[in-house]
Amino acid sequence: MSHFFYLARCHDESLYSGYTRNLVEREKAHNSGKGAKYTIRRRPIKIIYSEKFTTKSDALRREAAVKKLSRVEKLKLIHSKN
């Protein structure tokens, strides 16, 4: 089964990073108010970037690494995929 690291753009233009096994369901959860505390007040969100991994630990390691990046670096990462 696949594991994903993702970046979501919130309504206030902030970026949220997370982990999931299902990108579609996770976006729905965030937008229904069942996601993270951070996104509850910043709905709606849209997942705009993701990376697929074979293990949960790899996806979580990537999430931790990207969380350390500056906003500018995260935006460059997003744009590099497009």
C-alpha atoms as a PDB file:
ATOM      1  CA  MET A   1       0.000   0.000   0.000  1.00  0.00           C
ATOM      2  CA  SER A   2       1.160   3.536  -0.750  1.00  0.00           C
ATOM      3  CA  HIS A   3       1.999   6.261   1.730  1.00  0.00           C
ATOM      4  CA  PHE A   4       2.043   9.952   0.885  1.00  0.00           C
ATOM      5  CA  PHE A   5       3.634  13.119   2.124  1.00  0.00           C
ATOM      6  CA  TYR A   6       1.616  16.149   1.005  1.00  0.00           C
ATOM      7  CA  LEU A   7       1.475  19.923   1.063  1.00  0.00           C
ATOM      8  CA  ALA A   8      -1.872  21.672   1.155  1.00  0.00           C
ATOM      9  CA  ARG A   9      -2.659  25.311   0.496  1.00  0.00           C
ATOM     10  CA  CYS A  10      -5.083  26.722   3.042  1.00  0.00           C
ATOM     11  CA  HIS A  11      -7.685  29.426   2.421  1.00  0.00           C
ATOM     12  CA  ASP A  12      -5.391  32.003   4.046  1.00  0.00           C
ATOM     13  CA  GLU A  13      -2.584  30.986   1.606  1.00  0.00           C
ATOM     14  CA  SER A  14      -0.575  29.256   4.335  1.00  0.00           C
ATOM     15  CA  LEU A  15       0.905  25.813   3.650  1.00  0.00           C
ATOM     16  CA  TYR A  16       0.200  22.704   5.685  1.00  0.00           C
ATOM     17  CA  SER A  17       2.229  19.506   5.436  1.00  0.00           C
ATOM     18  CA  GLY A  18       1.026  16.080   6.373  1.00  0.00           C
ATOM     19  CA  TYR A  19       1.005  12.326   5.881  1.00  0.00           C
ATOM     20  CA  THR A  20      -1.761  10.096   4.579  1.00  0.00           C
ATOM     21  CA  ARG A  21      -2.494   6.831   2.828  1.00  0.00           C
ATOM     22  CA  ASN A  22      -5.324   8.358   0.766  1.00  0.00           C
ATOM     23  CA  LEU A  23      -4.975  11.884  -0.607  1.00  0.00           C
ATOM     24  CA  VAL A  24      -8.610  12.291  -1.679  1.00  0.00           C
ATOM     25  CA  GLU A  25     -10.047  11.166   1.653  1.00  0.00           C
ATOM     26  CA  ARG A  26      -7.533  13.256   3.599  1.00  0.00           C
ATOM     27  CA  GLU A  27      -8.495  16.410   1.714  1.00  0.00           C
ATOM     28  CA  LYS A  28     -12.164  15.649   2.403  1.00  0.00           C
ATOM     29  CA  ALA A  29     -11.394  15.140   6.099  1.00  0.00           C
ATOM     30  CA  HIS A  30      -9.583  18.473   6.333  1.00  0.00           C
ATOM     31  CA  ASN A  31     -12.409  20.296   4.572  1.00  0.00           C
ATOM     32  CA  SER A  32     -15.111  18.696   6.709  1.00  0.00           C
ATOM     33  CA  GLY A  33     -13.383  19.907   9.890  1.00  0.00           C
ATOM     34  CA  LYS A  34     -12.064  16.478  10.868  1.00  0.00           C
ATOM     35  CA  GLY A  35      -8.482  17.218   9.877  1.00  0.00           C
ATOM     36  CA  ALA A  36      -5.730  18.829  11.890  1.00  0.00           C
ATOM     37  CA  LYS A  37      -6.398  21.685  14.313  1.00  0.00           C
ATOM     38  CA  TYR A  38      -4.335  23.945  12.079  1.00  0.00           C
ATOM     39  CA  THR A  39      -6.578  23.464   9.054  1.00  0.00           C
ATOM     40  CA  ILE A  40      -9.922  23.667  10.862  1.00  0.00           C
ATOM     41  CA  ARG A  41      -9.769  27.482  10.942  1.00  0.00           C
ATOM     42  CA  ARG A  42      -8.186  27.742   7.498  1.00  0.00           C
ATOM     43  CA  ARG A  43     -10.689  25.858   5.348  1.00  0.00           C
ATOM     44  CA  PRO A  44     -11.059  25.096   2.580  1.00  0.00           C
ATOM     45  CA  ILE A  45      -7.725  23.474   1.855  1.00  0.00           C
ATOM     46  CA  LYS A  46      -6.449  21.998  -1.388  1.00  0.00           C
ATOM     47  CA  ILE A  47      -3.685  19.409  -1.623  1.00  0.00           C
ATOM     48  CA  ILE A  48      -1.310  20.911  -4.164  1.00  0.00           C
ATOM     49  CA  TYR A  49       1.744  18.674  -3.892  1.00  0.00           C
ATOM     50  CA  SER A  50       2.424  15.085  -2.934  1.00  0.00           C
ATOM     51  CA  GLU A  51       5.139  12.462  -2.997  1.00  0.00           C
ATOM     52  CA  LYS A  52       4.479   8.724  -2.917  1.00  0.00           C
ATOM     53  CA  PHE A  53       6.448   6.300  -0.720  1.00  0.00           C
ATOM     54  CA  THR A  54       6.371   2.567  -0.137  1.00  0.00           C
ATOM     55  CA  THR A  55       6.717   2.863   3.637  1.00  0.00           C
ATOM     56  CA  LYS A  56       5.122   5.058   6.259  1.00  0.00           C
ATOM     57  CA  SER A  57       8.486   5.804   7.850  1.00  0.00           C
ATOM     58  CA  ASP A  58       9.897   7.134   4.551  1.00  0.00           C
ATOM     59  CA  ALA A  59       6.868   9.409   4.087  1.00  0.00           C
ATOM     60  CA  LEU A  60       7.115  10.694   7.658  1.00  0.00           C
ATOM     61  CA  ARG A  61      10.846  11.341   7.277  1.00  0.00           C
ATOM     62  CA  ARG A  62      10.148  13.373   4.150  1.00  0.00           C
ATOM     63  CA  GLU A  63       7.403  15.302   5.953  1.00  0.00           C
ATOM     64  CA  ALA A  64       9.815  16.153   8.778  1.00  0.00           C
ATOM     65  CA  ALA A  65      12.473  17.294   6.301  1.00  0.00           C
ATOM     66  CA  VAL A  66      10.083  19.515   4.340  1.00  0.00           C
ATOM     67  CA  LYS A  67       8.665  21.058   7.514  1.00  0.00           C
ATOM     68  CA  LYS A  68      12.153  22.437   8.166  1.00  0.00           C
ATOM     69  CA  LEU A  69      12.181  24.268   4.815  1.00  0.00           C
ATOM     70  CA  SER A  70      11.303  27.928   4.509  1.00  0.00           C
ATOM     71  CA  ARG A  71       8.096  28.950   2.775  1.00  0.00           C
ATOM     72  CA  VAL A  72      10.091  30.027  -0.284  1.00  0.00           C
ATOM     73  CA  GLU A  73      11.797  26.635  -0.450  1.00  0.00           C
ATOM     74  CA  LYS A  74       8.437  24.862  -0.141  1.00  0.00           C
ATOM     75  CA  LEU A  75       7.020  26.950  -2.975  1.00  0.00           C
ATOM     76  CA  LYS A  76      10.027  26.080  -5.141  1.00  0.00           C
ATOM     77  CA  LEU A  77       9.405  22.404  -4.396  1.00  0.00           C
ATOM     78  CA  ILE A  78       5.751  22.757  -5.420  1.00  0.00           C
ATOM     79  CA  HIS A  79       6.647  24.579  -8.629  1.00  0.00           C
ATOM     80  CA  SER A  80       9.383  22.096  -9.527  1.00  0.00           C
ATOM     81  CA  LYS A  81       6.743  19.369  -9.849  1.00  0.00           C
ATOM     82  CA  ASN A  82       4.534  21.427 -12.160  1.00  0.00           C
END
